[in-house]
Amino acid sequence: MNKNNLIRDLKRYQLERYQCNGRLKWVSIAAVLTGMYSVYMFLFELNDGFGIAFVGALITGGLIFYFIQLMDMRSKITQELDCICLKLFGKIYSLSSNEIININLE
């Protein structure tokens, strides 16, 4: 593979990893908030809260499932970044930050 193609792929995967990290942050915040709300409704609103607590628990479960999928996607992206950095610099992605910053397109 051509060096310019590897650099282009490196930049694309870095952007995908950055976007995935942002989604992970917001999904984890949403899962914690809906989980706390479900627990509150279940414990303190005994008469009216069971249905809402159940729906909140379903939403929390869905968010946790999505969180796991995002973690898997991020690990696959990191593997691709490791492969590209090994070809370009001879190091894995986490050790190649100085080389990535100083990269030149020829």
N, C-alpha and C. Protein backbone atom coordinates (compact mmCIF):
# COMPACT_ATOMS: atom_id res chain seq x y z
N MET A 1 0.82 -1.18 0.00
CA MET A 1 0.00 0.00 0.00
C MET A 1 0.87 1.25 0.00
N ASN A 2 0.41 2.26 -0.64
CA ASN A 2 1.06 3.54 -0.78
C ASN A 2 1.05 4.28 0.57
N LYS A 3 2.14 5.05 0.83
CA LYS A 3 2.24 5.78 2.10
C LYS A 3 1.13 6.82 2.23
N ASN A 4 0.80 7.51 1.15
CA ASN A 4 -0.26 8.52 1.21
C ASN A 4 -1.62 7.89 1.52
N ASN A 5 -1.87 6.70 0.97
CA ASN A 5 -3.12 6.00 1.29
C ASN A 5 -3.16 5.60 2.76
N LEU A 6 -2.02 5.14 3.30
CA LEU A 6 -1.96 4.78 4.72
C LEU A 6 -2.20 6.00 5.60
N ILE A 7 -1.63 7.13 5.22
CA ILE A 7 -1.82 8.36 6.00
C ILE A 7 -3.29 8.79 5.95
N ARG A 8 -3.91 8.70 4.77
CA ARG A 8 -5.32 9.06 4.63
C ARG A 8 -6.19 8.15 5.50
N ASP A 9 -5.89 6.84 5.48
CA ASP A 9 -6.64 5.90 6.31
C ASP A 9 -6.41 6.16 7.80
N LEU A 10 -5.19 6.54 8.15
CA LEU A 10 -4.88 6.86 9.54
C LEU A 10 -5.73 8.03 10.02
N LYS A 11 -5.81 9.08 9.23
CA LYS A 11 -6.60 10.25 9.60
C LYS A 11 -8.09 9.90 9.69
N ARG A 12 -8.57 9.07 8.77
CA ARG A 12 -9.98 8.68 8.78
C ARG A 12 -10.31 7.87 10.02
N TYR A 13 -9.45 6.89 10.36
CA TYR A 13 -9.70 6.08 11.55
C TYR A 13 -9.55 6.88 12.84
N GLN A 14 -8.65 7.87 12.84
CA GLN A 14 -8.55 8.73 14.02
C GLN A 14 -9.84 9.51 14.22
N LEU A 15 -10.43 10.02 13.13
CA LEU A 15 -11.69 10.74 13.23
C LEU A 15 -12.81 9.82 13.72
N GLU A 16 -12.86 8.61 13.20
CA GLU A 16 -13.88 7.65 13.64
C GLU A 16 -13.72 7.32 15.12
N ARG A 17 -12.49 7.17 15.57
CA ARG A 17 -12.24 6.86 16.98
C ARG A 17 -12.66 8.03 17.86
N TYR A 18 -12.36 9.24 17.43
CA TYR A 18 -12.76 10.43 18.18
C TYR A 18 -14.29 10.53 18.28
N GLN A 19 -14.99 10.27 17.18
CA GLN A 19 -16.45 10.31 17.20
C GLN A 19 -17.02 9.20 18.09
N CYS A 20 -16.41 8.04 18.05
CA CYS A 20 -16.86 6.93 18.87
C CYS A 20 -16.66 7.25 20.36
N ASN A 21 -15.55 7.89 20.71
CA ASN A 21 -15.32 8.27 22.09
C ASN A 21 -16.36 9.28 22.57
N GLY A 22 -16.75 10.21 21.71
CA GLY A 22 -17.79 11.17 22.06
C GLY A 22 -19.13 10.49 22.30
N ARG A 23 -19.49 9.55 21.43
CA ARG A 23 -20.74 8.81 21.61
C ARG A 23 -20.71 7.98 22.89
N LEU A 24 -19.55 7.38 23.18
CA LEU A 24 -19.41 6.59 24.41
C LEU A 24 -19.67 7.46 25.64
N LYS A 25 -19.15 8.67 25.62
CA LYS A 25 -19.33 9.56 26.76
C LYS A 25 -20.81 9.87 26.97
N TRP A 26 -21.52 10.24 25.91
CA TRP A 26 -22.92 10.62 26.05
C TRP A 26 -23.81 9.44 26.36
N VAL A 27 -23.52 8.28 25.81
CA VAL A 27 -24.32 7.10 26.10
C VAL A 27 -24.14 6.68 27.56
N SER A 28 -22.90 6.77 28.06
CA SER A 28 -22.68 6.38 29.46
C SER A 28 -23.37 7.36 30.40
N ILE A 29 -23.36 8.65 30.09
CA ILE A 29 -24.07 9.63 30.92
C ILE A 29 -25.57 9.35 30.89
N ALA A 30 -26.12 9.10 29.71
CA ALA A 30 -27.56 8.83 29.59
C ALA A 30 -27.94 7.55 30.32
N ALA A 31 -27.10 6.52 30.25
CA ALA A 31 -27.41 5.26 30.93
C ALA A 31 -27.41 5.45 32.44
N VAL A 32 -26.46 6.19 32.95
CA VAL A 32 -26.41 6.43 34.40
C VAL A 32 -27.62 7.23 34.85
N LEU A 33 -27.97 8.28 34.10
CA LEU A 33 -29.12 9.10 34.49
C LEU A 33 -30.44 8.33 34.43
N THR A 34 -30.67 7.58 33.37
CA THR A 34 -31.91 6.81 33.30
C THR A 34 -31.95 5.70 34.35
N GLY A 35 -30.80 5.12 34.63
CA GLY A 35 -30.74 4.10 35.67
C GLY A 35 -31.05 4.68 37.04
N MET A 36 -30.49 5.85 37.34
CA MET A 36 -30.77 6.49 38.62
C MET A 36 -32.25 6.88 38.73
N TYR A 37 -32.81 7.38 37.64
CA TYR A 37 -34.22 7.76 37.64
C TYR A 37 -35.12 6.53 37.84
N SER A 38 -34.77 5.42 37.21
CA SER A 38 -35.55 4.19 37.37
C SER A 38 -35.50 3.70 38.80
N VAL A 39 -34.33 3.72 39.40
CA VAL A 39 -34.20 3.28 40.79
C VAL A 39 -34.99 4.20 41.71
N TYR A 40 -34.92 5.50 41.47
CA TYR A 40 -35.69 6.45 42.28
C TYR A 40 -37.18 6.17 42.17
N MET A 41 -37.68 6.01 40.95
CA MET A 41 -39.11 5.77 40.76
C MET A 41 -39.54 4.46 41.41
N PHE A 42 -38.69 3.44 41.34
CA PHE A 42 -39.04 2.15 41.92
C PHE A 42 -39.05 2.20 43.45
N LEU A 43 -38.09 2.91 44.05
CA LEU A 43 -37.97 2.91 45.50
C LEU A 43 -38.90 3.92 46.18
N PHE A 44 -39.10 5.08 45.59
CA PHE A 44 -39.78 6.16 46.30
C PHE A 44 -41.17 6.49 45.77
N GLU A 45 -41.50 6.07 44.61
CA GLU A 45 -42.83 6.32 44.04
C GLU A 45 -43.53 4.98 43.86
N LEU A 46 -43.83 4.34 44.95
CA LEU A 46 -44.32 2.95 44.91
C LEU A 46 -45.65 2.80 44.18
N ASN A 47 -46.58 3.73 44.34
CA ASN A 47 -47.90 3.57 43.75
C ASN A 47 -47.89 3.80 42.24
N ASP A 48 -47.27 4.87 41.80
CA ASP A 48 -47.33 5.25 40.39
C ASP A 48 -46.05 4.92 39.63
N GLY A 49 -45.01 4.60 40.32
CA GLY A 49 -43.70 4.57 39.69
C GLY A 49 -43.26 3.28 39.06
N PHE A 50 -43.99 2.18 39.27
CA PHE A 50 -43.49 0.91 38.76
C PHE A 50 -43.43 0.88 37.24
N GLY A 51 -44.47 1.36 36.57
CA GLY A 51 -44.47 1.36 35.10
C GLY A 51 -43.38 2.23 34.53
N ILE A 52 -43.21 3.41 35.12
CA ILE A 52 -42.16 4.32 34.65
C ILE A 52 -40.78 3.73 34.95
N ALA A 53 -40.65 3.10 36.12
CA ALA A 53 -39.37 2.48 36.47
C ALA A 53 -39.06 1.34 35.51
N PHE A 54 -40.07 0.58 35.11
CA PHE A 54 -39.86 -0.52 34.18
C PHE A 54 -39.41 0.01 32.81
N VAL A 55 -40.08 1.04 32.32
CA VAL A 55 -39.70 1.64 31.03
C VAL A 55 -38.30 2.23 31.12
N GLY A 56 -37.99 2.89 32.24
CA GLY A 56 -36.65 3.44 32.42
C GLY A 56 -35.59 2.35 32.45
N ALA A 57 -35.93 1.22 33.08
CA ALA A 57 -34.98 0.10 33.11
C ALA A 57 -34.76 -0.47 31.71
N LEU A 58 -35.82 -0.52 30.91
CA LEU A 58 -35.66 -0.98 29.52
C LEU A 58 -34.77 -0.04 28.72
N ILE A 59 -34.98 1.26 28.91
CA ILE A 59 -34.14 2.24 28.21
C ILE A 59 -32.69 2.12 28.67
N THR A 60 -32.49 1.97 29.96
CA THR A 60 -31.13 1.81 30.49
C THR A 60 -30.47 0.56 29.92
N GLY A 61 -31.20 -0.53 29.83
CA GLY A 61 -30.66 -1.75 29.24
C GLY A 61 -30.28 -1.56 27.79
N GLY A 62 -31.11 -0.87 27.04
CA GLY A 62 -30.78 -0.58 25.64
C GLY A 62 -29.53 0.28 25.52
N LEU A 63 -29.41 1.25 26.40
CA LEU A 63 -28.22 2.11 26.38
C LEU A 63 -26.96 1.33 26.75
N ILE A 64 -27.09 0.42 27.69
CA ILE A 64 -25.94 -0.42 28.05
C ILE A 64 -25.54 -1.32 26.89
N PHE A 65 -26.52 -1.87 26.19
CA PHE A 65 -26.24 -2.70 25.01
C PHE A 65 -25.53 -1.88 23.94
N TYR A 66 -26.00 -0.64 23.70
CA TYR A 66 -25.38 0.24 22.72
C TYR A 66 -23.96 0.61 23.16
N PHE A 67 -23.75 0.81 24.46
CA PHE A 67 -22.43 1.11 25.00
C PHE A 67 -21.46 -0.03 24.70
N ILE A 68 -21.92 -1.27 24.88
CA ILE A 68 -21.07 -2.43 24.60
C ILE A 68 -20.73 -2.50 23.11
N GLN A 69 -21.70 -2.19 22.25
CA GLN A 69 -21.42 -2.17 20.81
C GLN A 69 -20.40 -1.10 20.46
N LEU A 70 -20.52 0.07 21.08
CA LEU A 70 -19.55 1.14 20.82
C LEU A 70 -18.16 0.76 21.30
N MET A 71 -18.06 0.08 22.42
CA MET A 71 -16.75 -0.37 22.91
C MET A 71 -16.12 -1.36 21.93
N ASP A 72 -16.94 -2.25 21.38
CA ASP A 72 -16.45 -3.20 20.38
C ASP A 72 -15.99 -2.48 19.12
N MET A 73 -16.77 -1.48 18.69
CA MET A 73 -16.40 -0.71 17.51
C MET A 73 -15.08 0.04 17.75
N ARG A 74 -14.93 0.61 18.94
CA ARG A 74 -13.70 1.34 19.24
C ARG A 74 -12.50 0.41 19.27
N SER A 75 -12.66 -0.82 19.76
CA SER A 75 -11.53 -1.75 19.77
C SER A 75 -11.15 -2.16 18.36
N LYS A 76 -12.14 -2.32 17.47
CA LYS A 76 -11.82 -2.65 16.07
C LYS A 76 -11.11 -1.49 15.38
N ILE A 77 -11.55 -0.28 15.66
CA ILE A 77 -10.89 0.91 15.08
C ILE A 77 -9.46 1.01 15.60
N THR A 78 -9.26 0.73 16.88
CA THR A 78 -7.91 0.78 17.46
C THR A 78 -7.02 -0.29 16.85
N GLN A 79 -7.57 -1.46 16.56
CA GLN A 79 -6.78 -2.49 15.90
C GLN A 79 -6.35 -2.05 14.51
N GLU A 80 -7.26 -1.40 13.77
CA GLU A 80 -6.90 -0.87 12.44
C GLU A 80 -5.82 0.20 12.57
N LEU A 81 -5.95 1.08 13.55
CA LEU A 81 -4.94 2.12 13.76
C LEU A 81 -3.59 1.51 14.12
N ASP A 82 -3.59 0.46 14.95
CA ASP A 82 -2.35 -0.23 15.29
C ASP A 82 -1.69 -0.82 14.06
N CYS A 83 -2.49 -1.43 13.19
CA CYS A 83 -1.97 -2.05 11.97
C CYS A 83 -1.35 -0.99 11.05
N ILE A 84 -2.04 0.13 10.89
CA ILE A 84 -1.54 1.20 10.03
C ILE A 84 -0.26 1.79 10.60
N CYS A 85 -0.24 2.04 11.91
CA CYS A 85 0.95 2.63 12.54
C CYS A 85 2.13 1.66 12.51
N LEU A 86 1.87 0.37 12.62
CA LEU A 86 2.96 -0.59 12.49
C LEU A 86 3.58 -0.55 11.11
N LYS A 87 2.75 -0.38 10.08
CA LYS A 87 3.27 -0.29 8.72
C LYS A 87 4.02 1.02 8.49
N LEU A 88 3.52 2.12 9.05
CA LEU A 88 4.14 3.42 8.83
C LEU A 88 5.35 3.68 9.73
N PHE A 89 5.22 3.39 11.02
CA PHE A 89 6.23 3.80 11.98
C PHE A 89 6.91 2.65 12.71
N GLY A 90 6.38 1.45 12.61
CA GLY A 90 6.95 0.32 13.32
C GLY A 90 6.54 0.27 14.78
N LYS A 91 5.53 1.04 15.17
CA LYS A 91 5.03 1.06 16.55
C LYS A 91 3.51 0.99 16.53
N ILE A 92 2.93 0.60 17.67
CA ILE A 92 1.48 0.61 17.76
C ILE A 92 0.98 2.05 17.89
N TYR A 93 -0.32 2.22 17.75
CA TYR A 93 -0.93 3.56 17.71
C TYR A 93 -0.67 4.36 18.98
N SER A 94 -0.78 3.75 20.13
CA SER A 94 -0.63 4.49 21.39
C SER A 94 0.79 4.99 21.60
N LEU A 95 1.77 4.39 20.94
CA LEU A 95 3.16 4.83 21.07
C LEU A 95 3.62 5.72 19.92
N SER A 96 2.75 6.00 18.95
CA SER A 96 3.13 6.72 17.75
C SER A 96 2.66 8.17 17.74
N SER A 97 2.33 8.75 18.87
CA SER A 97 1.74 10.09 18.87
C SER A 97 2.70 11.15 18.30
N ASN A 98 3.99 11.08 18.63
CA ASN A 98 4.94 12.06 18.11
C ASN A 98 5.08 11.95 16.59
N GLU A 99 5.12 10.74 16.07
CA GLU A 99 5.24 10.55 14.63
C GLU A 99 3.98 11.02 13.90
N ILE A 100 2.82 10.79 14.51
CA ILE A 100 1.55 11.21 13.88
C ILE A 100 1.47 12.73 13.82
N ILE A 101 1.92 13.39 14.89
CA ILE A 101 1.90 14.86 14.90
C ILE A 101 2.83 15.42 13.84
N ASN A 102 3.98 14.82 13.65
CA ASN A 102 4.99 15.33 12.72
C ASN A 102 4.91 14.72 11.34
N ILE A 103 3.80 14.11 10.98
CA ILE A 103 3.67 13.42 9.70
C ILE A 103 3.58 14.45 8.56
N ASN A 104 4.21 14.12 7.45
CA ASN A 104 4.19 15.00 6.28
C ASN A 104 3.57 14.26 5.10
N LEU A 105 2.70 14.95 4.39
CA LEU A 105 2.19 14.41 3.14
C LEU A 105 3.15 14.79 2.03
N GLU A 106 3.61 13.81 1.31
CA GLU A 106 4.57 14.09 0.24
C GLU A 106 3.91 14.12 -1.11
